[in-house]
Amino acid sequence: MNRHTISVLVENKPGVLARISGLFSARGYNIDSLAVGETDDPDVSRMTIIVRGDERVLEQVTKQLAKLVDVIKVIDFVGMPHIERDLALVKMKTTPQTRIEIMQIAEVFRAKVVDISKGTLTLELTGPEEKIQALVDLVKPFGIKEVVRTGVIAMARGSHLAAERAHEDASQAADMESPEDVASPPA
């Protein structure tokens, strides 16, 4: 089973998330991670979906996603250079003796201490899933009280997405009638 990071641009309307997640569950796929947020256009949201599955069936799912009315664009990042990030908040039990050690571990991972109380310390960490899991594994012996994660978000590296948009714009322009094709009004 291969891991796929799928980015779906959708119209920002009620019910879209349910239809898209329903498409995956109807085919027996568990979504490992799902993050949704508004883009620079308030009418468009980006869904980042992490799912594991067979290449052939996932290709069918992405094609079916693209056919949904509210879906604008589907990108499967497999084989495409991209950046992935996850955000986690990790709350641990602490004592005066363990607090310094936990803060040293946090520094190595470039995690920020976002809350300290008499008996707890909360870290904020951003990075790939593996980095977050490594931190969680290291601090587990101290006693984790709670872990909250956003889910993975992803974006193509460099100008890849900009190039796709330029290609789409060129295709749309070619589909439009040129001035020579438009009949002149009678004189």
N, C-alpha and C. Protein backbone atom coordinates (compact mmCIF):
# COMPACT_ATOMS: atom_id res chain seq x y z
N MET A 1 0.84 -1.19 0.00
CA MET A 1 0.00 0.00 0.00
C MET A 1 0.88 1.24 0.00
N ASN A 2 0.73 2.07 -1.00
CA ASN A 2 1.51 3.29 -1.11
C ASN A 2 0.82 4.45 -0.41
N ARG A 3 1.62 5.37 0.10
CA ARG A 3 1.10 6.57 0.77
C ARG A 3 0.92 7.66 -0.28
N HIS A 4 -0.24 8.26 -0.30
CA HIS A 4 -0.54 9.33 -1.24
C HIS A 4 -0.91 10.60 -0.49
N THR A 5 -0.36 11.72 -0.94
CA THR A 5 -0.75 13.03 -0.45
C THR A 5 -1.53 13.67 -1.58
N ILE A 6 -2.82 13.89 -1.35
CA ILE A 6 -3.69 14.42 -2.39
C ILE A 6 -4.18 15.80 -1.97
N SER A 7 -4.03 16.76 -2.86
CA SER A 7 -4.50 18.12 -2.62
C SER A 7 -5.73 18.34 -3.50
N VAL A 8 -6.80 18.81 -2.88
CA VAL A 8 -8.04 19.02 -3.62
C VAL A 8 -8.50 20.46 -3.40
N LEU A 9 -8.58 21.23 -4.48
CA LEU A 9 -9.14 22.58 -4.40
C LEU A 9 -10.64 22.45 -4.62
N VAL A 10 -11.41 22.99 -3.69
CA VAL A 10 -12.87 22.84 -3.74
C VAL A 10 -13.54 24.18 -3.52
N GLU A 11 -14.79 24.25 -3.93
CA GLU A 11 -15.59 25.43 -3.63
C GLU A 11 -15.87 25.43 -2.13
N ASN A 12 -15.76 26.58 -1.52
CA ASN A 12 -15.93 26.71 -0.08
C ASN A 12 -17.42 26.78 0.24
N LYS A 13 -18.07 25.60 0.27
CA LYS A 13 -19.51 25.51 0.52
C LYS A 13 -19.80 24.39 1.50
N PRO A 14 -20.93 24.48 2.21
CA PRO A 14 -21.30 23.40 3.13
C PRO A 14 -21.52 22.08 2.40
N GLY A 15 -21.11 20.98 3.04
CA GLY A 15 -21.35 19.65 2.51
C GLY A 15 -20.25 19.09 1.63
N VAL A 16 -19.31 19.93 1.19
CA VAL A 16 -18.25 19.47 0.29
C VAL A 16 -17.36 18.45 1.00
N LEU A 17 -16.95 18.74 2.22
CA LEU A 17 -16.09 17.84 2.99
C LEU A 17 -16.76 16.47 3.15
N ALA A 18 -18.04 16.45 3.46
CA ALA A 18 -18.75 15.18 3.65
C ALA A 18 -18.79 14.37 2.35
N ARG A 19 -19.03 15.03 1.22
CA ARG A 19 -19.07 14.31 -0.06
C ARG A 19 -17.71 13.71 -0.41
N ILE A 20 -16.65 14.47 -0.18
CA ILE A 20 -15.32 13.99 -0.53
C ILE A 20 -14.87 12.87 0.39
N SER A 21 -15.06 13.03 1.70
CA SER A 21 -14.67 11.96 2.61
C SER A 21 -15.53 10.72 2.39
N GLY A 22 -16.78 10.92 2.00
CA GLY A 22 -17.67 9.79 1.68
C GLY A 22 -17.19 9.00 0.48
N LEU A 23 -16.60 9.67 -0.48
CA LEU A 23 -16.06 8.99 -1.66
C LEU A 23 -14.95 8.01 -1.26
N PHE A 24 -14.10 8.43 -0.31
CA PHE A 24 -13.02 7.54 0.15
C PHE A 24 -13.59 6.38 0.98
N SER A 25 -14.50 6.68 1.90
CA SER A 25 -15.03 5.63 2.77
C SER A 25 -15.86 4.62 1.98
N ALA A 26 -16.55 5.07 0.93
CA ALA A 26 -17.35 4.15 0.11
C ALA A 26 -16.47 3.12 -0.59
N ARG A 27 -15.21 3.45 -0.80
CA ARG A 27 -14.28 2.53 -1.45
C ARG A 27 -13.40 1.79 -0.45
N GLY A 28 -13.69 1.96 0.83
CA GLY A 28 -12.97 1.22 1.87
C GLY A 28 -11.62 1.79 2.23
N TYR A 29 -11.38 3.07 1.93
CA TYR A 29 -10.10 3.70 2.28
C TYR A 29 -10.25 4.50 3.55
N ASN A 30 -9.29 4.30 4.45
CA ASN A 30 -9.24 5.10 5.66
C ASN A 30 -8.38 6.33 5.37
N ILE A 31 -8.84 7.48 5.71
CA ILE A 31 -8.07 8.71 5.54
C ILE A 31 -7.16 8.84 6.76
N ASP A 32 -5.83 8.80 6.53
CA ASP A 32 -4.86 8.92 7.63
C ASP A 32 -4.81 10.33 8.19
N SER A 33 -4.97 11.32 7.32
CA SER A 33 -4.89 12.72 7.73
C SER A 33 -5.76 13.54 6.79
N LEU A 34 -6.44 14.53 7.35
CA LEU A 34 -7.30 15.40 6.55
C LEU A 34 -7.21 16.81 7.14
N ALA A 35 -6.77 17.75 6.32
CA ALA A 35 -6.70 19.15 6.75
C ALA A 35 -7.41 19.99 5.70
N VAL A 36 -8.23 20.93 6.15
CA VAL A 36 -8.99 21.78 5.23
C VAL A 36 -8.84 23.22 5.69
N GLY A 37 -8.61 24.10 4.72
CA GLY A 37 -8.53 25.51 5.05
C GLY A 37 -8.80 26.37 3.83
N GLU A 38 -9.25 27.58 4.10
CA GLU A 38 -9.51 28.55 3.05
C GLU A 38 -8.19 28.93 2.37
N THR A 39 -8.22 29.19 1.07
CA THR A 39 -7.05 29.63 0.33
C THR A 39 -7.01 31.16 0.31
N ASP A 40 -6.18 31.72 -0.57
CA ASP A 40 -6.15 33.17 -0.71
C ASP A 40 -7.45 33.71 -1.29
N ASP A 41 -8.25 32.83 -1.89
CA ASP A 41 -9.58 33.18 -2.40
C ASP A 41 -10.61 32.65 -1.40
N PRO A 42 -11.41 33.51 -0.77
CA PRO A 42 -12.35 33.04 0.25
C PRO A 42 -13.42 32.09 -0.28
N ASP A 43 -13.60 32.00 -1.59
CA ASP A 43 -14.57 31.08 -2.18
C ASP A 43 -13.99 29.70 -2.44
N VAL A 44 -12.67 29.53 -2.18
CA VAL A 44 -11.99 28.26 -2.48
C VAL A 44 -11.28 27.77 -1.22
N SER A 45 -11.42 26.46 -0.95
CA SER A 45 -10.70 25.82 0.15
C SER A 45 -9.78 24.75 -0.43
N ARG A 46 -8.72 24.45 0.31
CA ARG A 46 -7.80 23.38 -0.07
C ARG A 46 -7.92 22.27 0.96
N MET A 47 -8.16 21.07 0.48
CA MET A 47 -8.17 19.89 1.33
C MET A 47 -6.88 19.13 1.06
N THR A 48 -6.18 18.75 2.11
CA THR A 48 -5.00 17.90 1.96
C THR A 48 -5.36 16.57 2.61
N ILE A 49 -5.31 15.52 1.82
CA ILE A 49 -5.74 14.20 2.27
C ILE A 49 -4.56 13.23 2.17
N ILE A 50 -4.27 12.53 3.26
CA ILE A 50 -3.25 11.49 3.26
C ILE A 50 -3.98 10.16 3.33
N VAL A 51 -3.70 9.31 2.37
CA VAL A 51 -4.37 8.01 2.30
C VAL A 51 -3.37 6.98 1.77
N ARG A 52 -3.54 5.74 2.20
CA ARG A 52 -2.68 4.65 1.72
C ARG A 52 -3.55 3.71 0.89
N GLY A 53 -2.99 3.27 -0.23
CA GLY A 53 -3.78 2.36 -1.04
C GLY A 53 -3.09 1.92 -2.30
N ASP A 54 -3.78 1.06 -3.00
CA ASP A 54 -3.35 0.50 -4.27
C ASP A 54 -3.37 1.59 -5.34
N GLU A 55 -2.33 1.63 -6.18
CA GLU A 55 -2.20 2.67 -7.22
C GLU A 55 -3.42 2.76 -8.13
N ARG A 56 -3.86 1.62 -8.63
CA ARG A 56 -4.95 1.59 -9.61
C ARG A 56 -6.25 2.15 -9.02
N VAL A 57 -6.59 1.70 -7.83
CA VAL A 57 -7.84 2.13 -7.20
C VAL A 57 -7.76 3.60 -6.81
N LEU A 58 -6.60 4.04 -6.29
CA LEU A 58 -6.46 5.45 -5.93
C LEU A 58 -6.53 6.35 -7.16
N GLU A 59 -6.05 5.86 -8.29
CA GLU A 59 -6.18 6.64 -9.53
C GLU A 59 -7.65 6.81 -9.88
N GLN A 60 -8.45 5.76 -9.70
CA GLN A 60 -9.89 5.86 -9.95
C GLN A 60 -10.55 6.85 -9.00
N VAL A 61 -10.14 6.81 -7.73
CA VAL A 61 -10.72 7.72 -6.74
C VAL A 61 -10.39 9.17 -7.10
N THR A 62 -9.15 9.45 -7.49
CA THR A 62 -8.80 10.83 -7.85
C THR A 62 -9.55 11.28 -9.09
N LYS A 63 -9.78 10.38 -10.04
CA LYS A 63 -10.57 10.74 -11.23
C LYS A 63 -12.02 11.03 -10.84
N GLN A 64 -12.57 10.23 -9.92
CA GLN A 64 -13.94 10.45 -9.47
C GLN A 64 -14.04 11.75 -8.65
N LEU A 65 -13.00 12.05 -7.88
CA LEU A 65 -12.97 13.32 -7.15
C LEU A 65 -13.06 14.49 -8.12
N ALA A 66 -12.27 14.41 -9.19
CA ALA A 66 -12.23 15.50 -10.17
C ALA A 66 -13.59 15.71 -10.85
N LYS A 67 -14.43 14.68 -10.87
CA LYS A 67 -15.74 14.80 -11.51
C LYS A 67 -16.80 15.41 -10.60
N LEU A 68 -16.51 15.50 -9.28
CA LEU A 68 -17.50 16.08 -8.37
C LEU A 68 -17.70 17.55 -8.70
N VAL A 69 -18.94 18.00 -8.61
CA VAL A 69 -19.31 19.36 -9.01
C VAL A 69 -18.52 20.43 -8.27
N ASP A 70 -18.32 20.26 -6.97
CA ASP A 70 -17.67 21.29 -6.17
C ASP A 70 -16.14 21.25 -6.21
N VAL A 71 -15.57 20.27 -6.92
CA VAL A 71 -14.12 20.12 -6.99
C VAL A 71 -13.58 20.92 -8.17
N ILE A 72 -12.58 21.75 -7.88
CA ILE A 72 -11.96 22.58 -8.90
C ILE A 72 -10.73 21.90 -9.49
N LYS A 73 -9.90 21.28 -8.64
CA LYS A 73 -8.66 20.65 -9.09
C LYS A 73 -8.22 19.59 -8.09
N VAL A 74 -7.65 18.48 -8.61
CA VAL A 74 -7.12 17.40 -7.78
C VAL A 74 -5.66 17.18 -8.17
N ILE A 75 -4.79 17.16 -7.17
CA ILE A 75 -3.37 16.91 -7.42
C ILE A 75 -2.92 15.80 -6.48
N ASP A 76 -2.37 14.71 -7.06
CA ASP A 76 -1.76 13.65 -6.26
C ASP A 76 -0.26 13.94 -6.28
N PHE A 77 0.33 14.23 -5.12
CA PHE A 77 1.72 14.64 -5.04
C PHE A 77 2.72 13.48 -5.17
N VAL A 78 2.25 12.25 -5.40
CA VAL A 78 3.17 11.13 -5.55
C VAL A 78 4.10 11.41 -6.73
N GLY A 79 5.41 11.32 -6.47
CA GLY A 79 6.40 11.55 -7.52
C GLY A 79 6.63 13.01 -7.86
N MET A 80 5.95 13.93 -7.17
CA MET A 80 6.09 15.35 -7.43
C MET A 80 6.81 15.99 -6.25
N PRO A 81 7.82 16.83 -6.51
CA PRO A 81 8.48 17.49 -5.37
C PRO A 81 7.50 18.40 -4.63
N HIS A 82 7.38 18.18 -3.34
CA HIS A 82 6.44 18.97 -2.55
C HIS A 82 6.92 19.09 -1.11
N ILE A 83 6.28 20.00 -0.40
CA ILE A 83 6.58 20.26 1.01
C ILE A 83 5.37 19.80 1.82
N GLU A 84 5.62 19.06 2.89
CA GLU A 84 4.54 18.65 3.80
C GLU A 84 4.87 19.12 5.20
N ARG A 85 3.87 19.60 5.90
CA ARG A 85 4.04 20.02 7.28
C ARG A 85 2.83 19.60 8.11
N ASP A 86 3.11 19.29 9.36
CA ASP A 86 2.09 18.96 10.35
C ASP A 86 2.38 19.83 11.57
N LEU A 87 1.38 20.16 12.32
CA LEU A 87 1.55 20.95 13.54
C LEU A 87 1.01 20.13 14.69
N ALA A 88 1.77 20.10 15.79
CA ALA A 88 1.33 19.34 16.96
C ALA A 88 1.51 20.17 18.23
N LEU A 89 0.59 19.97 19.15
CA LEU A 89 0.71 20.46 20.52
C LEU A 89 0.83 19.22 21.40
N VAL A 90 1.88 19.18 22.22
CA VAL A 90 2.13 18.02 23.07
C VAL A 90 2.21 18.51 24.52
N LYS A 91 1.25 18.04 25.34
CA LYS A 91 1.22 18.41 26.76
C LYS A 91 1.75 17.23 27.58
N MET A 92 2.75 17.53 28.45
CA MET A 92 3.37 16.49 29.26
C MET A 92 3.31 16.83 30.74
N LYS A 93 3.36 15.79 31.55
CA LYS A 93 3.50 15.96 33.00
C LYS A 93 4.95 16.38 33.24
N THR A 94 5.14 17.31 34.18
CA THR A 94 6.51 17.71 34.52
C THR A 94 6.66 17.88 36.02
N THR A 95 7.90 17.82 36.40
CA THR A 95 8.31 18.17 37.75
C THR A 95 9.41 19.20 37.57
N PRO A 96 9.81 19.88 38.62
CA PRO A 96 10.92 20.82 38.45
C PRO A 96 12.18 20.13 37.88
N GLN A 97 12.38 18.86 38.21
CA GLN A 97 13.55 18.13 37.73
C GLN A 97 13.45 17.77 36.24
N THR A 98 12.25 17.40 35.77
CA THR A 98 12.12 16.96 34.37
C THR A 98 11.90 18.11 33.40
N ARG A 99 11.46 19.25 33.91
CA ARG A 99 11.14 20.39 33.03
C ARG A 99 12.35 20.81 32.20
N ILE A 100 13.52 20.90 32.79
CA ILE A 100 14.72 21.33 32.07
C ILE A 100 15.09 20.32 30.99
N GLU A 101 15.00 19.05 31.32
CA GLU A 101 15.33 18.00 30.34
C GLU A 101 14.36 18.04 29.14
N ILE A 102 13.09 18.23 29.41
CA ILE A 102 12.09 18.32 28.33
C ILE A 102 12.37 19.55 27.47
N MET A 103 12.72 20.66 28.10
CA MET A 103 13.01 21.88 27.34
C MET A 103 14.26 21.71 26.48
N GLN A 104 15.23 20.93 26.91
CA GLN A 104 16.42 20.66 26.11
C GLN A 104 16.05 19.81 24.88
N ILE A 105 15.19 18.84 25.07
CA ILE A 105 14.72 18.02 23.95
C ILE A 105 13.96 18.91 22.97
N ALA A 106 13.11 19.78 23.49
CA ALA A 106 12.34 20.69 22.64
C ALA A 106 13.26 21.56 21.80
N GLU A 107 14.34 22.04 22.39
CA GLU A 107 15.29 22.90 21.66
C GLU A 107 15.91 22.15 20.48
N VAL A 108 16.28 20.91 20.66
CA VAL A 108 16.85 20.10 19.58
C VAL A 108 15.88 19.98 18.41
N PHE A 109 14.60 19.86 18.72
CA PHE A 109 13.57 19.71 17.69
C PHE A 109 13.01 21.04 17.21
N ARG A 110 13.53 22.14 17.75
CA ARG A 110 13.05 23.49 17.43
C ARG A 110 11.57 23.64 17.76
N ALA A 111 11.17 22.99 18.83
CA ALA A 111 9.80 23.11 19.32
C ALA A 111 9.74 24.30 20.27
N LYS A 112 8.57 24.92 20.33
CA LYS A 112 8.38 26.07 21.22
C LYS A 112 7.58 25.65 22.44
N VAL A 113 7.97 26.17 23.58
CA VAL A 113 7.18 25.99 24.79
C VAL A 113 6.08 27.04 24.73
N VAL A 114 4.82 26.59 24.69
CA VAL A 114 3.71 27.53 24.56
C VAL A 114 2.88 27.66 25.83
N ASP A 115 3.13 26.75 26.81
CA ASP A 115 2.41 26.84 28.08
C ASP A 115 3.17 26.07 29.14
N ILE A 116 3.26 26.67 30.31
CA ILE A 116 3.86 25.99 31.46
C ILE A 116 2.95 26.23 32.65
N SER A 117 2.67 25.15 33.37
CA SER A 117 1.94 25.27 34.62
C SER A 117 2.74 24.51 35.68
N LYS A 118 2.21 24.46 36.88
CA LYS A 118 2.95 23.79 37.96
C LYS A 118 3.28 22.34 37.62
N GLY A 119 2.35 21.63 36.98
CA GLY A 119 2.57 20.20 36.72
C GLY A 119 2.61 19.80 35.26
N THR A 120 2.55 20.79 34.33
CA THR A 120 2.57 20.43 32.90
C THR A 120 3.41 21.41 32.10
N LEU A 121 3.76 20.96 30.91
CA LEU A 121 4.47 21.79 29.94
C LEU A 121 3.91 21.42 28.58
N THR A 122 3.59 22.42 27.76
CA THR A 122 3.04 22.16 26.43
C THR A 122 3.99 22.69 25.37
N LEU A 123 4.31 21.81 24.41
CA LEU A 123 5.19 22.15 23.31
C LEU A 123 4.40 22.29 22.02
N GLU A 124 4.87 23.18 21.16
CA GLU A 124 4.32 23.32 19.81
C GLU A 124 5.44 22.94 18.85
N LEU A 125 5.13 22.06 17.89
CA LEU A 125 6.14 21.59 16.94
C LEU A 125 5.54 21.54 15.55
N THR A 126 6.29 22.05 14.59
CA THR A 126 5.89 22.01 13.18
C THR A 126 6.94 21.25 12.41
N GLY A 127 6.51 20.43 11.46
CA GLY A 127 7.46 19.72 10.62
C GLY A 127 6.82 18.51 9.97
N PRO A 128 7.64 17.69 9.33
CA PRO A 128 7.13 16.45 8.74
C PRO A 128 6.60 15.51 9.84
N GLU A 129 5.71 14.61 9.45
CA GLU A 129 5.12 13.68 10.41
C GLU A 129 6.18 12.91 11.19
N GLU A 130 7.26 12.53 10.52
CA GLU A 130 8.31 11.73 11.17
C GLU A 130 8.98 12.51 12.30
N LYS A 131 9.20 13.80 12.11
CA LYS A 131 9.82 14.64 13.13
C LYS A 131 8.92 14.74 14.36
N ILE A 132 7.64 14.92 14.11
CA ILE A 132 6.69 15.03 15.22
C ILE A 132 6.61 13.72 15.98
N GLN A 133 6.57 12.61 15.25
CA GLN A 133 6.51 11.30 15.90
C GLN A 133 7.77 11.04 16.71
N ALA A 134 8.94 11.46 16.20
CA ALA A 134 10.20 11.27 16.93
C ALA A 134 10.18 12.03 18.26
N LEU A 135 9.67 13.26 18.25
CA LEU A 135 9.57 14.04 19.50
C LEU A 135 8.60 13.35 20.47
N VAL A 136 7.46 12.94 19.97
CA VAL A 136 6.47 12.28 20.83
C VAL A 136 7.09 11.02 21.46
N ASP A 137 7.81 10.24 20.67
CA ASP A 137 8.44 9.03 21.20
C ASP A 137 9.47 9.35 22.28
N LEU A 138 10.23 10.44 22.10
CA LEU A 138 11.25 10.82 23.08
C LEU A 138 10.67 11.31 24.40
N VAL A 139 9.56 12.02 24.34
CA VAL A 139 9.00 12.58 25.58
C VAL A 139 7.97 11.65 26.24
N LYS A 140 7.62 10.57 25.57
CA LYS A 140 6.65 9.62 26.14
C LYS A 140 7.01 9.15 27.55
N PRO A 141 8.28 8.84 27.83
CA PRO A 141 8.63 8.40 29.20
C PRO A 141 8.34 9.43 30.29
N PHE A 142 8.24 10.71 29.93
CA PHE A 142 7.94 11.75 30.93
C PHE A 142 6.46 11.74 31.31
N GLY A 143 5.63 11.17 30.44
CA GLY A 143 4.20 11.11 30.71
C GLY A 143 3.43 12.12 29.88
N ILE A 144 2.96 11.70 28.76
CA ILE A 144 2.17 12.57 27.88
C ILE A 144 0.74 12.62 28.40
N LYS A 145 0.23 13.81 28.57
CA LYS A 145 -1.16 13.99 28.98
C LYS A 145 -2.07 14.10 27.77
N GLU A 146 -1.58 14.77 26.71
CA GLU A 146 -2.43 15.00 25.54
C GLU A 146 -1.57 15.37 24.33
N VAL A 147 -1.98 14.90 23.15
CA VAL A 147 -1.36 15.29 21.88
C VAL A 147 -2.48 15.69 20.93
N VAL A 148 -2.31 16.86 20.30
CA VAL A 148 -3.28 17.34 19.31
C VAL A 148 -2.49 17.66 18.05
N ARG A 149 -2.95 17.13 16.90
CA ARG A 149 -2.26 17.38 15.64
C ARG A 149 -3.24 17.94 14.62
N THR A 150 -2.73 18.80 13.75
CA THR A 150 -3.58 19.43 12.73
C THR A 150 -3.87 18.52 11.56
N GLY A 151 -2.98 17.61 11.27
CA GLY A 151 -3.03 16.87 10.02
C GLY A 151 -2.08 17.53 9.04
N VAL A 152 -1.67 16.78 8.04
CA VAL A 152 -0.67 17.26 7.10
C VAL A 152 -1.27 18.25 6.11
N ILE A 153 -0.50 19.30 5.82
CA ILE A 153 -0.81 20.19 4.72
C ILE A 153 0.35 20.06 3.74
N ALA A 154 0.09 20.29 2.46
CA ALA A 154 1.14 20.10 1.45
C ALA A 154 1.01 21.13 0.35
N MET A 155 2.15 21.41 -0.29
CA MET A 155 2.21 22.37 -1.39
C MET A 155 3.35 21.95 -2.31
N ALA A 156 3.16 22.13 -3.62
CA ALA A 156 4.21 21.81 -4.57
C ALA A 156 5.41 22.72 -4.32
N ARG A 157 6.61 22.18 -4.56
CA ARG A 157 7.84 22.97 -4.41
C ARG A 157 8.00 23.92 -5.58
N GLY A 158 8.71 25.00 -5.34
CA GLY A 158 9.09 25.92 -6.40
C GLY A 158 7.89 26.48 -7.15
N SER A 159 8.06 26.62 -8.45
CA SER A 159 7.02 27.24 -9.27
C SER A 159 6.13 26.20 -9.93
N HIS A 160 6.15 24.96 -9.46
CA HIS A 160 5.39 23.90 -10.11
C HIS A 160 3.91 24.24 -10.26
N LEU A 161 3.25 24.65 -9.20
CA LEU A 161 1.83 24.96 -9.26
C LEU A 161 1.58 26.19 -10.12
N ALA A 162 2.46 27.17 -10.03
CA ALA A 162 2.32 28.37 -10.87
C ALA A 162 2.39 27.98 -12.35
N ALA A 163 3.26 27.03 -12.69
CA ALA A 163 3.38 26.58 -14.07
C ALA A 163 2.09 25.88 -14.51
N GLU A 164 1.49 25.10 -13.61
CA GLU A 164 0.22 24.45 -13.95
C GLU A 164 -0.85 25.48 -14.23
N ARG A 165 -0.91 26.52 -13.40
CA ARG A 165 -1.91 27.56 -13.60
C ARG A 165 -1.69 28.27 -14.93
N ALA A 166 -0.42 28.54 -15.26
CA ALA A 166 -0.11 29.20 -16.52
C ALA A 166 -0.56 28.33 -17.69
N HIS A 167 -0.35 27.00 -17.55
CA HIS A 167 -0.78 26.07 -18.61
C HIS A 167 -2.30 26.08 -18.75
N GLU A 168 -3.00 26.07 -17.59
CA GLU A 168 -4.47 26.10 -17.62
C GLU A 168 -4.96 27.40 -18.25
N ASP A 169 -4.33 28.52 -17.88
CA ASP A 169 -4.74 29.80 -18.44
C ASP A 169 -4.54 29.82 -19.95
N ALA A 170 -3.43 29.24 -20.42
CA ALA A 170 -3.16 29.19 -21.86
C ALA A 170 -4.19 28.32 -22.57
N SER A 171 -4.55 27.20 -21.94
CA SER A 171 -5.56 26.30 -22.53
C SER A 171 -6.92 26.98 -22.61
N GLN A 172 -7.28 27.71 -21.54
CA GLN A 172 -8.55 28.40 -21.54
C GLN A 172 -8.57 29.50 -22.58
N ALA A 173 -7.45 30.20 -22.74
CA ALA A 173 -7.37 31.26 -23.73
C ALA A 173 -7.50 30.69 -25.14
N ALA A 174 -6.91 29.51 -25.37
CA ALA A 174 -6.98 28.88 -26.69
C ALA A 174 -8.41 28.44 -27.00
N ASP A 175 -9.16 28.08 -25.94
CA ASP A 175 -10.55 27.65 -26.14
C ASP A 175 -11.47 28.82 -26.48
N MET A 176 -11.06 30.02 -26.10
CA MET A 176 -11.89 31.20 -26.37
C MET A 176 -11.74 31.58 -27.84
N GLU A 177 -12.77 32.18 -28.37
CA GLU A 177 -12.71 32.59 -29.77
C GLU A 177 -11.72 33.72 -29.95
N SER A 178 -10.97 33.68 -31.05
CA SER A 178 -10.07 34.78 -31.37
C SER A 178 -10.88 35.88 -32.05
N PRO A 179 -10.38 37.12 -32.08
CA PRO A 179 -11.13 38.24 -32.67
C PRO A 179 -11.49 38.00 -34.14
N GLU A 180 -10.66 37.25 -34.87
CA GLU A 180 -10.95 37.00 -36.27
C GLU A 180 -12.15 36.08 -36.45
N ASP A 181 -12.42 35.23 -35.43
CA ASP A 181 -13.54 34.29 -35.53
C ASP A 181 -14.88 34.95 -35.25
N VAL A 182 -14.85 36.11 -34.64
CA VAL A 182 -16.09 36.78 -34.27
C VAL A 182 -16.55 37.64 -35.47
N ALA A 183 -17.78 37.47 -35.85
CA ALA A 183 -18.31 38.22 -37.01
C ALA A 183 -18.38 39.70 -36.69
N SER A 184 -18.06 40.50 -37.67
CA SER A 184 -18.13 41.96 -37.49
C SER A 184 -19.57 42.40 -37.60
N PRO A 185 -19.93 43.43 -36.86
CA PRO A 185 -21.31 43.92 -36.96
C PRO A 185 -21.50 44.54 -38.33
N PRO A 186 -22.70 44.47 -38.87
CA PRO A 186 -22.94 45.04 -40.20
C PRO A 186 -22.64 46.54 -40.20
N ALA A 187 -22.14 47.01 -41.34
CA ALA A 187 -21.76 48.43 -41.45
C ALA A 187 -22.93 49.28 -41.83
